[in-house]
Protein backbone atom coordinates (compact mmCIF):
# COMPACT_ATOMS: atom_id res chain seq x y z
CA MET A 1 18.09 20.28 -176.95
CA ALA A 2 20.19 17.30 -178.10
CA MET A 3 18.46 14.03 -178.82
CA ILE A 4 19.69 10.72 -177.39
CA ALA A 5 19.93 7.89 -179.86
CA PRO A 6 18.00 4.67 -179.24
CA GLY A 7 19.89 2.23 -177.05
CA VAL A 8 21.92 4.95 -175.33
CA THR A 9 21.23 5.89 -171.74
CA GLU A 10 21.77 9.26 -170.11
CA THR A 11 24.86 8.04 -168.25
CA GLY A 12 26.71 7.32 -171.50
CA THR A 13 26.53 3.55 -171.46
CA SER A 14 25.30 1.81 -174.63
CA SER A 15 23.57 -1.49 -175.29
CA ASN A 16 24.50 -1.59 -179.04
CA PRO A 17 27.86 -1.31 -180.85
CA ARG A 18 26.91 1.88 -182.75
CA ARG A 19 28.24 4.10 -180.00
CA LYS A 20 31.65 2.38 -180.14
CA ILE A 21 31.84 2.97 -183.90
CA LEU A 22 30.94 6.64 -183.49
CA THR A 23 33.59 6.95 -180.77
CA SER A 24 36.20 5.58 -183.21
CA VAL A 25 35.03 8.08 -185.84
CA VAL A 26 35.31 11.02 -183.44
CA CYS A 27 38.78 9.92 -182.32
CA ALA A 28 39.88 9.63 -185.94
CA VAL A 29 38.66 13.17 -186.74
CA LEU A 30 40.44 14.51 -183.66
CA GLN A 31 43.66 12.76 -184.71
CA GLU A 32 43.39 14.32 -188.17
CA SER A 33 42.94 17.73 -186.55
CA GLY A 34 46.26 17.36 -184.69
CA PHE A 35 45.17 16.21 -181.24
CA GLN A 36 47.38 13.65 -179.51
CA SER A 37 45.07 12.87 -176.59
CA GLY A 38 41.66 13.86 -175.31
CA ASP A 39 39.64 13.84 -172.14
CA LYS A 40 37.06 11.08 -171.81
CA ALA A 41 34.29 13.52 -170.94
CA ALA A 42 35.09 15.73 -173.95
CA VAL A 43 35.12 12.77 -176.35
CA GLY A 44 31.82 11.54 -174.88
CA THR A 45 30.26 14.98 -175.45
CA LEU A 46 31.39 15.00 -179.10
CA VAL A 47 29.97 11.51 -179.58
CA GLU A 48 26.62 12.64 -178.17
CA MET A 49 26.60 15.65 -180.51
CA LEU A 50 27.38 13.49 -183.54
CA MET A 51 24.76 10.96 -182.53
CA SER A 52 22.13 13.69 -182.11
CA PHE A 53 23.04 15.14 -185.52
CA LEU A 54 22.70 11.77 -187.24
CA CYS A 55 19.38 11.05 -185.50
CA GLU A 56 17.96 14.40 -186.59
CA ALA A 57 19.20 13.92 -190.15
CA GLY A 58 17.64 10.46 -190.29
CA ARG A 59 14.33 11.69 -188.89
CA SER A 60 14.16 14.58 -191.39
CA SER A 61 15.09 12.29 -194.28
CA LYS A 62 12.32 9.89 -193.33
CA THR A 63 9.86 12.78 -193.16
CA PHE A 64 10.76 14.00 -196.70
CA CYS A 65 10.58 10.42 -197.94
CA GLU A 66 7.08 9.88 -196.55
CA LEU A 67 5.99 13.27 -197.89
CA ALA A 68 6.85 12.04 -201.42
CA TYR A 69 4.84 8.82 -200.89
CA ARG A 70 7.96 6.63 -200.66
CA THR A 71 9.06 4.14 -198.03
CA GLU A 72 12.85 4.25 -198.55
CA PRO A 73 14.73 7.59 -198.51
CA VAL A 74 17.03 8.51 -201.39
CA VAL A 75 19.97 10.91 -201.71
CA ALA A 76 17.66 13.83 -202.47
CA ASP A 77 15.83 13.31 -199.17
CA VAL A 78 19.13 13.36 -197.26
CA LEU A 79 20.25 16.55 -199.05
CA LEU A 80 16.95 18.27 -198.25
CA ALA A 81 17.26 17.20 -194.60
CA LEU A 82 20.82 18.58 -194.33
CA THR A 83 19.76 21.83 -196.01
CA GLU A 84 16.84 22.24 -193.62
CA MET A 85 19.20 21.68 -190.68
CA GLY A 86 21.44 24.49 -191.96
CA PHE A 87 24.34 22.24 -192.97
CA SER A 88 26.33 23.31 -196.03
CA ILE A 89 26.83 20.49 -198.55
CA GLU A 90 29.27 22.28 -200.85
CA GLY A 91 32.46 20.91 -199.27
CA LEU A 92 31.34 17.28 -198.82
CA GLN A 93 33.01 16.01 -201.98
CA ALA A 94 36.31 17.76 -201.21
CA TYR A 95 36.22 16.53 -197.60
CA LYS A 96 35.65 12.99 -198.87
CA ASN A 97 38.76 13.08 -201.11
CA ARG A 98 41.14 14.54 -198.49
CA GLN A 99 44.66 13.14 -198.34
CA ASN A 100 45.42 12.67 -194.63
CA ARG A 101 42.22 10.91 -193.61
CA VAL A 102 42.36 8.04 -191.12
CA VAL A 103 40.81 4.83 -192.37
CA ILE A 104 38.77 2.91 -189.81
CA SER A 105 38.53 -0.84 -190.15
CA ALA A 106 35.14 -2.42 -190.67
CA PRO A 107 33.44 -3.44 -187.43
CA THR A 108 33.47 -7.12 -186.62
CA GLN A 109 30.34 -9.08 -185.93
CA GLN A 110 29.46 -9.13 -182.28
CA VAL A 111 29.55 -12.55 -180.69
CA ASP A 112 26.61 -13.47 -178.51
CA LEU A 113 27.45 -14.23 -174.92
CA LYS A 114 27.16 -17.83 -173.88
CA GLN A 115 24.31 -18.56 -171.57
CA HIS A 116 25.44 -19.98 -168.27
CA ASN A 117 24.05 -23.32 -167.28
CA VAL A 118 21.86 -23.64 -164.24
CA LEU A 119 23.82 -24.69 -161.18
CA GLN A 120 22.97 -28.25 -160.19
CA VAL A 121 23.63 -29.02 -156.55
CA GLY A 122 22.41 -32.57 -156.10
CA ASP A 123 21.90 -35.63 -158.28
CA LYS A 124 18.63 -36.05 -160.11
CA LYS A 125 16.86 -39.26 -159.21
CA PRO A 126 15.20 -41.32 -161.98
CA HIS A 127 11.52 -42.17 -161.99
CA SER A 128 10.30 -45.16 -160.10
CA ALA A 129 8.62 -48.07 -161.86
CA HIS A 130 5.10 -46.83 -161.17
CA ILE A 131 5.76 -43.30 -162.57
CA PRO A 132 5.37 -42.79 -166.36
CA ASP A 133 8.34 -41.41 -168.29
CA HIS A 134 6.40 -38.49 -169.83
CA LEU A 135 6.11 -36.83 -166.44
CA PRO A 136 8.75 -34.23 -165.50
CA THR A 137 11.84 -35.39 -163.69
CA PHE A 138 12.51 -34.93 -160.02
CA PRO A 139 14.23 -31.71 -158.96
CA ASP A 140 17.63 -31.62 -157.32
CA THR A 141 17.83 -33.46 -154.04
CA HIS A 142 18.98 -30.24 -152.38
CA THR A 143 15.50 -28.75 -152.83
CA TYR A 144 13.76 -31.25 -150.54
CA CYS A 145 16.61 -32.35 -148.28
CA PHE A 146 17.09 -30.97 -144.78
CA SER A 147 19.41 -27.99 -144.54
CA HIS A 148 20.03 -25.43 -141.81
CA THR A 149 18.33 -22.08 -142.23
CA TYR A 150 20.79 -20.20 -140.03
CA LYS A 151 24.48 -19.46 -140.06
CA GLN A 152 27.05 -20.08 -137.42
CA PRO A 153 27.72 -16.99 -135.28
CA VAL A 154 30.71 -14.95 -136.37
CA THR A 155 33.49 -14.92 -133.80
CA GLU A 156 36.17 -13.04 -135.74
CA TYR A 157 37.27 -9.78 -134.16
CA GLU A 158 37.39 -7.80 -137.43
CA ALA A 159 33.90 -8.90 -138.51
CA ILE A 160 32.46 -8.07 -135.09
CA ARG A 161 34.07 -4.62 -135.13
CA GLU A 162 32.75 -3.93 -138.64
CA LYS A 163 29.26 -5.04 -137.65
CA ALA A 164 29.35 -2.90 -134.51
CA ALA A 165 30.52 0.12 -136.53
CA ALA A 166 27.74 -0.41 -139.10
CA GLN A 167 25.12 -0.68 -136.36
CA LYS A 168 26.43 2.46 -134.68
CA ARG A 169 26.30 4.34 -137.99
CA ASP A 170 22.72 3.20 -138.61
CA ILE A 171 21.70 4.26 -135.11
CA GLU A 172 23.25 7.69 -135.60
CA ARG A 173 21.41 8.14 -138.89
CA ALA A 174 18.12 7.05 -137.35
CA LEU A 175 18.58 9.41 -134.40
CA THR A 176 19.47 12.24 -136.77
CA LYS A 177 16.29 11.70 -138.80
CA PHE A 178 14.25 11.46 -135.61
CA ALA A 179 15.73 14.70 -134.31
CA ALA A 180 15.04 16.39 -137.67
CA LYS A 181 11.39 15.33 -137.51
CA THR A 182 10.74 16.11 -133.83
CA ARG A 183 12.73 19.30 -133.35
CA GLU A 184 12.91 22.67 -135.06
CA THR A 185 14.91 22.55 -138.28
CA GLN A 186 16.56 24.99 -140.64
CA ASN A 187 16.79 24.59 -144.42
CA LEU A 188 20.20 24.78 -146.05
CA PHE A 189 18.76 26.05 -149.34
CA ILE A 190 15.98 28.50 -150.18
CA THR A 191 13.77 25.80 -151.74
CA ASP A 192 11.35 23.59 -149.82
CA ASP A 193 13.51 20.50 -150.26
CA LYS A 194 13.47 18.30 -147.16
CA GLU A 195 16.62 16.37 -148.01
CA PHE A 196 19.02 18.95 -146.56
CA LEU A 197 17.45 19.86 -143.23
CA LEU A 198 19.59 21.05 -140.35
CA VAL A 199 18.60 20.66 -136.72
CA LYS A 200 18.31 24.04 -135.10
CA VAL A 201 21.13 24.67 -132.65
CA GLU A 202 19.98 25.43 -129.14
CA PRO A 203 22.20 27.88 -127.22
CA ASN A 204 24.19 26.30 -124.42
CA PRO A 205 24.41 28.40 -121.23
CA LYS A 206 27.92 27.07 -120.56
CA PRO A 207 29.51 26.29 -123.94
CA TYR A 208 33.04 26.13 -122.53
CA LEU A 209 32.34 22.95 -120.53
CA ASP A 210 32.41 20.72 -123.63
CA ALA A 211 35.86 22.01 -124.53
CA LEU A 212 37.19 21.62 -121.00
CA MET A 213 35.80 18.10 -120.49
CA PRO A 214 36.02 16.27 -123.85
CA ARG A 215 34.70 12.73 -123.98
CA ASP A 216 34.91 9.98 -126.57
CA GLN A 217 31.77 7.85 -126.92
CA VAL A 218 33.75 4.86 -128.14
CA PHE A 219 35.45 4.36 -124.79
CA GLU A 220 32.59 5.33 -122.46
CA GLU A 221 31.98 1.73 -121.42
CA GLU A 222 35.67 1.17 -120.73
CA GLU A 223 35.85 4.35 -118.67
CA GLU A 224 32.82 3.27 -116.65
CA ASN A 225 34.41 -0.12 -115.96
CA THR A 226 37.65 1.59 -114.92
CA ARG A 227 35.77 3.84 -112.53
CA ARG A 228 33.98 0.88 -110.98
CA LYS A 229 37.29 -0.92 -110.48
CA ARG A 230 38.82 2.16 -108.87
CA ARG A 231 35.86 2.55 -106.51
CA LYS A 232 36.03 -1.11 -105.57
CA ALA A 233 39.78 -0.87 -104.95
CA MET A 234 39.31 2.22 -102.75
CA ASN A 235 36.57 0.49 -100.76
CA ASP A 236 38.77 -2.59 -100.30
CA GLU A 237 41.64 -0.41 -99.07
CA GLU A 238 39.37 1.37 -96.58
CA GLU A 239 38.05 -1.93 -95.23
CA LEU A 240 41.60 -3.28 -94.96
CA GLN A 241 42.72 -0.16 -93.07
CA LYS A 242 39.78 -0.45 -90.69
CA GLU A 243 40.65 -4.09 -90.00
CA LYS A 244 44.26 -3.12 -89.28
CA ASP A 245 43.14 -0.39 -86.88
CA LYS A 246 40.86 -2.82 -85.05
CA LEU A 247 43.66 -5.35 -84.84
CA ASN A 248 46.05 -2.77 -83.38
CA GLU A 249 43.49 -1.69 -80.81
CA SER A 250 42.85 -5.27 -79.76
CA GLN A 251 46.58 -5.92 -79.48
CA ASP A 252 47.04 -2.82 -77.30
CA ALA A 253 44.24 -3.95 -75.03
CA GLU A 254 45.69 -7.41 -74.65
CA LEU A 255 49.17 -6.23 -73.56
CA ASP A 256 49.86 -7.25 -69.92
CA ASN A 257 53.54 -6.40 -69.82
CA PRO A 258 53.97 -2.97 -68.17
CA TYR A 259 57.15 -2.36 -70.09
CA LEU A 260 55.25 -2.62 -73.38
CA ARG A 261 52.42 -0.39 -72.37
CA PRO A 262 52.40 3.19 -73.64
CA VAL A 263 53.93 5.87 -71.39
CA LYS A 264 51.56 7.71 -69.09
CA MET A 265 52.64 11.11 -67.90
CA PRO A 266 52.19 11.76 -64.14
CA ARG A 267 49.67 14.32 -63.06
CA LYS A 268 50.96 17.54 -61.62
CA PRO A 269 50.00 17.99 -57.98
CA LYS A 270 47.86 20.95 -57.11
CA VAL A 271 49.53 23.62 -55.01
CA LYS A 272 47.57 24.55 -51.96
CA LYS A 273 47.39 28.22 -51.16
């Protein structure tokens, strides 16, 4: 199992410049071997392998050094450590004097980042005459001045839509978790992990109805409003038609002109036998 050097996390990020130097060394060796480019993941793996090798060599060298009652390792300790690790040291001198090696410039000293100053909002007031100077100064006036603890309501359409979408997504997640806890579930994997639970599907007696009558939840409220408007319009039309019928009946009753009255067919006389 490969060791991870101090200051290097598992994700590959480093808090010291040693990893950058080792990356330059690996890239130089790859360039000498004839590679023109390399994948970032592959280079990172080679850097981890080199770092693990150096850490193990350093640990073994320190062990041989302490075994000989010394505090600083010497060349003999390093050679013993490499031999114990199974590394052949016969070609080191020839590899050192190779012709086409890439020379890496010496690393520059890392500059410390400048500390940011504390943000000062208000003006600091001086001490009054009755307050001694050795006491600490007053804080910013913003700390003890009145300020609103709430924000103005957002009226932008985009922000409201985003907030509504986020709330809807949170509600769906909460309902999904509630359904997974209160109903029968099925596990996606063989293990007892509860992160990938599936709600058991209940058979629908009429599964074709959902396909024949699709509905979109986003526009349910609009559809309900449209239906209410249609019902109201139909009721208004029926009331208007009833009023027209009543008006026509009243007008027919009020007609006194015989020429405007409706035609009445005469009755047929009965034939006496």
